[in-house]
Amino acid sequence: MTSKKRLGIIYSIVFLLMLAVNYLTATNVGSIADENPAIIQPAGYVFSIWGVIYLLLFIWIIRLFFIKNDTEQLLERLHYWPVVNFVLNGAWIFTFTERLYFLSTVVIVALLVTLFVIYKKLSHPSVFWFDRLPFSIYFGWGTVATIVNIVTWVKKNGIEEVLGFNEYQWTLALLIIATGIAVFVSLLHTDWLYPLVFAWAYVGIIIRNDYDLFWLTVICGVSILVHAGVSMYTGYKRIKN
């Protein structure tokens, strides 16, 4: 069996196992997240982005079995990183539904690290655009989910203030920082999808909250992210043409 076929089969098996874990515990994740939710937690519909991510990953894995010229080079770049990512994804579901909030935070940070590594490996100019597309969205959502998970862990521990700032103030600061990260990544890698994931999450946060200053901050963040996304897309089309 060739290394290409072996890795493709391993990706498929671990991905399906991850989906099984998600399917069996998805309801529990939603109900647990809604127990005394943090301000930064988006509205429930925002989490439907997982369906988009999993669909794109499924297409990406299936595609590996059919493309010929670039598959070997692509798999050589990625090796077992997607496998580690899928395992951590399932592990996060387990730790979060068991209310092991600190452990779930550690796991999701590790998950974000694997996404960062995969994303960087797929950001090479020689890599076909679709091979990075699922991970652009996944990495964007992984960044948002990590921030939300950290705040949730702090809140679940009954901590009202950190360094003299309350949850509301920290939420504003984190949204500003997250906006900066999204714009930086999009500009560095000419990626118009990554910042739009943040905009999607920010709109969900607006819907769940009615604080005036909060609205202003998030709306500004959404505007910046959408502008960055459109600019990156325009630049990408210009380069291609």
Protein backbone atom coordinates (compact mmCIF):
# COMPACT_ATOMS: atom_id res chain seq x y z
CA MET A 1 0.00 0.00 0.00
CA THR A 2 1.38 3.41 -0.97
CA SER A 3 1.89 6.11 1.64
CA LYS A 4 -0.70 8.23 -0.20
CA LYS A 5 -3.39 5.58 0.13
CA ARG A 6 -2.41 4.71 3.70
CA LEU A 7 -2.63 8.32 4.90
CA GLY A 8 -5.87 8.84 2.99
CA ILE A 9 -7.44 5.82 4.69
CA ILE A 10 -6.18 6.91 8.12
CA TYR A 11 -7.55 10.42 7.59
CA SER A 12 -10.92 8.94 6.60
CA ILE A 13 -11.19 6.56 9.56
CA VAL A 14 -10.19 9.12 12.21
CA PHE A 15 -12.43 11.76 10.63
CA LEU A 16 -15.44 9.42 10.72
CA LEU A 17 -14.72 8.54 14.35
CA MET A 18 -14.57 12.25 15.15
CA LEU A 19 -17.93 12.77 13.44
CA ALA A 20 -19.41 9.91 15.45
CA VAL A 21 -18.27 11.48 18.72
CA ASN A 22 -19.68 14.84 17.63
CA TYR A 23 -23.00 13.32 16.61
CA LEU A 24 -23.44 11.44 19.87
CA THR A 25 -22.67 14.43 22.09
CA ALA A 26 -23.70 17.48 20.04
CA THR A 27 -26.85 18.14 22.10
CA ASN A 28 -24.89 17.97 25.34
CA VAL A 29 -22.36 20.52 24.10
CA GLY A 30 -25.10 23.03 23.30
CA SER A 31 -26.93 22.61 26.59
CA ILE A 32 -23.75 22.80 28.67
CA ALA A 33 -22.55 25.90 26.80
CA ASP A 34 -25.87 27.60 27.60
CA GLU A 35 -25.43 27.07 31.35
CA ASN A 36 -24.56 30.57 32.61
CA PRO A 37 -22.99 31.54 29.26
CA ALA A 38 -20.17 34.08 28.95
CA ILE A 39 -20.89 37.42 27.27
CA ILE A 40 -18.55 36.53 24.44
CA GLN A 41 -20.46 33.35 23.57
CA PRO A 42 -22.29 33.83 20.23
CA ALA A 43 -25.93 32.96 19.58
CA GLY A 44 -26.64 29.28 19.04
CA TYR A 45 -27.09 29.48 15.27
CA VAL A 46 -23.46 30.60 14.85
CA PHE A 47 -22.27 27.11 15.81
CA SER A 48 -23.85 25.75 12.62
CA ILE A 49 -20.54 26.66 11.03
CA TRP A 50 -19.29 23.28 12.29
CA GLY A 51 -21.52 21.67 9.67
CA VAL A 52 -19.83 23.71 6.93
CA ILE A 53 -16.38 22.85 8.27
CA TYR A 54 -17.08 19.11 8.47
CA LEU A 55 -18.62 19.05 4.99
CA LEU A 56 -15.61 20.82 3.48
CA LEU A 57 -13.21 18.51 5.34
CA PHE A 58 -15.11 15.49 4.06
CA ILE A 59 -14.85 16.75 0.45
CA TRP A 60 -11.18 17.54 1.02
CA ILE A 61 -10.43 13.99 2.23
CA ILE A 62 -12.39 12.35 -0.61
CA ARG A 63 -10.56 14.56 -3.10
CA LEU A 64 -7.22 13.19 -1.88
CA PHE A 65 -8.06 9.81 -3.41
CA PHE A 66 -8.66 11.28 -6.87
CA ILE A 67 -6.06 13.99 -7.47
CA LYS A 68 -2.81 12.57 -8.78
CA ASN A 69 -0.11 15.14 -9.41
CA ASP A 70 -0.09 17.08 -6.14
CA THR A 71 -1.32 14.52 -3.62
CA GLU A 72 2.05 13.07 -2.66
CA GLN A 73 3.56 16.51 -2.06
CA LEU A 74 0.49 17.64 -0.12
CA LEU A 75 0.46 14.59 2.14
CA GLU A 76 4.20 14.89 2.65
CA ARG A 77 3.59 18.42 3.94
CA LEU A 78 0.75 17.47 6.26
CA HIS A 79 1.76 13.95 7.28
CA TYR A 80 -0.15 13.04 10.50
CA TRP A 81 -1.12 16.58 11.57
CA PRO A 82 -4.76 16.21 10.41
CA VAL A 83 -5.00 12.95 12.38
CA VAL A 84 -3.83 14.68 15.56
CA ASN A 85 -6.29 17.48 14.88
CA PHE A 86 -9.24 15.11 14.46
CA VAL A 87 -8.32 13.23 17.64
CA LEU A 88 -8.11 16.49 19.60
CA ASN A 89 -11.45 17.57 18.16
CA GLY A 90 -13.10 14.44 19.54
CA ALA A 91 -11.20 14.80 22.83
CA TRP A 92 -12.49 18.34 23.24
CA ILE A 93 -16.07 17.16 22.81
CA PHE A 94 -15.55 14.56 25.53
CA THR A 95 -13.83 16.87 28.03
CA PHE A 96 -16.33 19.69 27.53
CA THR A 97 -19.43 17.50 27.87
CA GLU A 98 -17.92 16.01 31.03
CA ARG A 99 -17.58 19.59 32.33
CA LEU A 100 -13.82 19.28 32.59
CA TYR A 101 -13.46 22.94 31.68
CA PHE A 102 -9.76 23.38 32.40
CA LEU A 103 -8.88 20.21 30.51
CA SER A 104 -11.15 21.22 27.63
CA THR A 105 -9.30 24.54 27.48
CA VAL A 106 -5.94 22.75 27.29
CA VAL A 107 -7.27 20.47 24.56
CA ILE A 108 -8.73 23.28 22.45
CA VAL A 109 -5.47 25.27 22.69
CA ALA A 110 -3.63 22.16 21.45
CA LEU A 111 -6.27 21.85 18.70
CA LEU A 112 -5.61 25.45 17.68
CA VAL A 113 -1.87 24.74 17.51
CA THR A 114 -2.46 21.86 15.08
CA LEU A 115 -4.70 24.10 12.99
CA PHE A 116 -1.99 26.74 12.90
CA VAL A 117 0.59 24.20 11.73
CA ILE A 118 -1.73 22.76 9.06
CA TYR A 119 -2.74 26.23 7.89
CA LYS A 120 0.89 27.34 7.56
CA LYS A 121 1.78 24.19 5.60
CA LEU A 122 -1.13 24.81 3.24
CA SER A 123 -0.36 28.50 2.74
CA HIS A 124 2.48 27.78 0.31
CA PRO A 125 1.92 29.30 -3.16
CA SER A 126 2.24 25.87 -4.78
CA VAL A 127 -0.72 24.47 -2.84
CA PHE A 128 -4.06 24.39 -4.70
CA TRP A 129 -6.55 26.94 -3.32
CA PHE A 130 -9.18 24.38 -2.31
CA ASP A 131 -6.71 22.47 -0.15
CA ARG A 132 -6.45 25.49 2.14
CA LEU A 133 -10.11 26.55 1.97
CA PRO A 134 -11.54 24.14 4.60
CA PHE A 135 -8.71 24.95 6.98
CA SER A 136 -9.08 28.72 6.51
CA ILE A 137 -12.59 28.45 7.91
CA TYR A 138 -11.62 25.81 10.47
CA PHE A 139 -8.64 27.83 11.70
CA GLY A 140 -10.75 30.98 11.94
CA TRP A 141 -13.45 29.22 13.93
CA GLY A 142 -10.83 27.40 16.03
CA THR A 143 -9.38 30.78 17.02
CA VAL A 144 -12.80 32.12 18.01
CA ALA A 145 -13.73 28.90 19.85
CA THR A 146 -10.47 28.95 21.81
CA ILE A 147 -11.11 32.48 23.05
CA VAL A 148 -14.69 31.60 24.01
CA ASN A 149 -13.55 28.41 25.76
CA ILE A 150 -10.95 30.26 27.85
CA VAL A 151 -13.50 32.87 28.96
CA THR A 152 -16.02 30.11 29.70
CA TRP A 153 -13.48 28.27 31.88
CA VAL A 154 -12.78 31.47 33.83
CA LYS A 155 -16.50 32.15 34.28
CA LYS A 156 -17.28 28.56 35.33
CA ASN A 157 -14.70 28.95 38.11
CA GLY A 158 -16.69 31.87 39.50
CA ILE A 159 -13.94 34.38 38.77
CA GLU A 160 -15.56 37.82 38.46
CA GLU A 161 -12.44 39.89 37.78
CA VAL A 162 -9.02 39.28 36.23
CA LEU A 163 -6.30 41.91 36.72
CA GLY A 164 -8.98 44.32 37.93
CA PHE A 165 -11.15 43.99 34.81
CA ASN A 166 -14.61 42.45 34.86
CA GLU A 167 -16.05 40.11 32.24
CA TYR A 168 -17.60 42.91 30.20
CA GLN A 169 -14.32 44.85 30.01
CA TRP A 170 -12.33 41.71 29.16
CA THR A 171 -14.85 40.85 26.44
CA LEU A 172 -14.34 44.22 24.79
CA ALA A 173 -10.56 43.84 24.99
CA LEU A 174 -10.64 40.30 23.60
CA LEU A 175 -12.84 41.34 20.69
CA ILE A 176 -10.40 44.12 19.80
CA ILE A 177 -7.46 41.72 20.06
CA ALA A 178 -9.29 39.08 18.00
CA THR A 179 -10.02 41.65 15.30
CA GLY A 180 -6.33 42.51 15.14
CA ILE A 181 -5.42 38.83 14.83
CA ALA A 182 -7.96 38.28 12.06
CA VAL A 183 -6.76 41.26 10.04
CA PHE A 184 -3.08 40.32 10.54
CA VAL A 185 -3.58 36.71 9.39
CA SER A 186 -5.71 37.76 6.41
CA LEU A 187 -3.11 40.28 5.24
CA LEU A 188 -0.15 37.99 5.87
CA HIS A 189 -1.62 35.05 3.96
CA THR A 190 -3.94 36.88 1.52
CA ASP A 191 -6.85 35.01 3.05
CA TRP A 192 -10.31 36.56 2.69
CA LEU A 193 -12.18 33.70 4.39
CA TYR A 194 -10.38 33.75 7.74
CA PRO A 195 -11.62 37.21 8.86
CA LEU A 196 -15.16 36.55 7.64
CA VAL A 197 -15.43 33.72 10.19
CA PHE A 198 -14.77 36.28 12.93
CA ALA A 199 -17.42 38.57 11.44
CA TRP A 200 -19.88 35.66 11.50
CA ALA A 201 -19.14 35.08 15.19
CA TYR A 202 -19.32 38.80 16.04
CA VAL A 203 -22.80 39.15 14.57
CA GLY A 204 -23.87 36.23 16.77
CA ILE A 205 -22.40 37.97 19.81
CA ILE A 206 -24.33 41.15 18.96
CA ILE A 207 -27.58 39.22 18.80
CA ARG A 208 -27.06 37.76 22.29
CA ASN A 209 -26.20 41.09 23.96
CA ASP A 210 -27.67 44.59 24.15
CA TYR A 211 -24.91 46.68 25.73
CA ASP A 212 -24.47 49.97 23.85
CA LEU A 213 -20.67 50.16 23.95
CA PHE A 214 -20.52 46.45 23.31
CA TRP A 215 -22.57 46.87 20.14
CA LEU A 216 -20.34 49.71 18.96
CA THR A 217 -17.16 47.69 19.50
CA VAL A 218 -18.49 44.58 17.81
CA ILE A 219 -19.99 46.48 14.87
CA CYS A 220 -16.65 48.21 14.30
CA GLY A 221 -14.95 44.83 14.50
CA VAL A 222 -17.37 43.30 11.99
CA SER A 223 -16.86 46.24 9.62
CA ILE A 224 -13.09 45.88 9.77
CA LEU A 225 -13.25 42.12 9.27
CA VAL A 226 -15.66 42.29 6.34
CA HIS A 227 -13.51 44.99 4.74
CA ALA A 228 -10.41 42.84 5.23
CA GLY A 229 -12.22 39.84 3.76
CA VAL A 230 -13.43 41.73 0.69
CA SER A 231 -10.00 43.31 0.20
CA MET A 232 -8.28 39.93 0.39
CA TYR A 233 -10.77 38.42 -2.06
CA THR A 234 -10.29 41.33 -4.49
CA GLY A 235 -6.51 41.01 -4.22
CA TYR A 236 -6.73 37.24 -4.71
CA LYS A 237 -8.84 37.62 -7.87
CA ARG A 238 -6.47 40.28 -9.20
CA ILE A 239 -3.46 37.97 -8.69
CA LYS A 240 -5.25 35.06 -10.39
CA ASN A 241 -6.23 37.20 -13.36
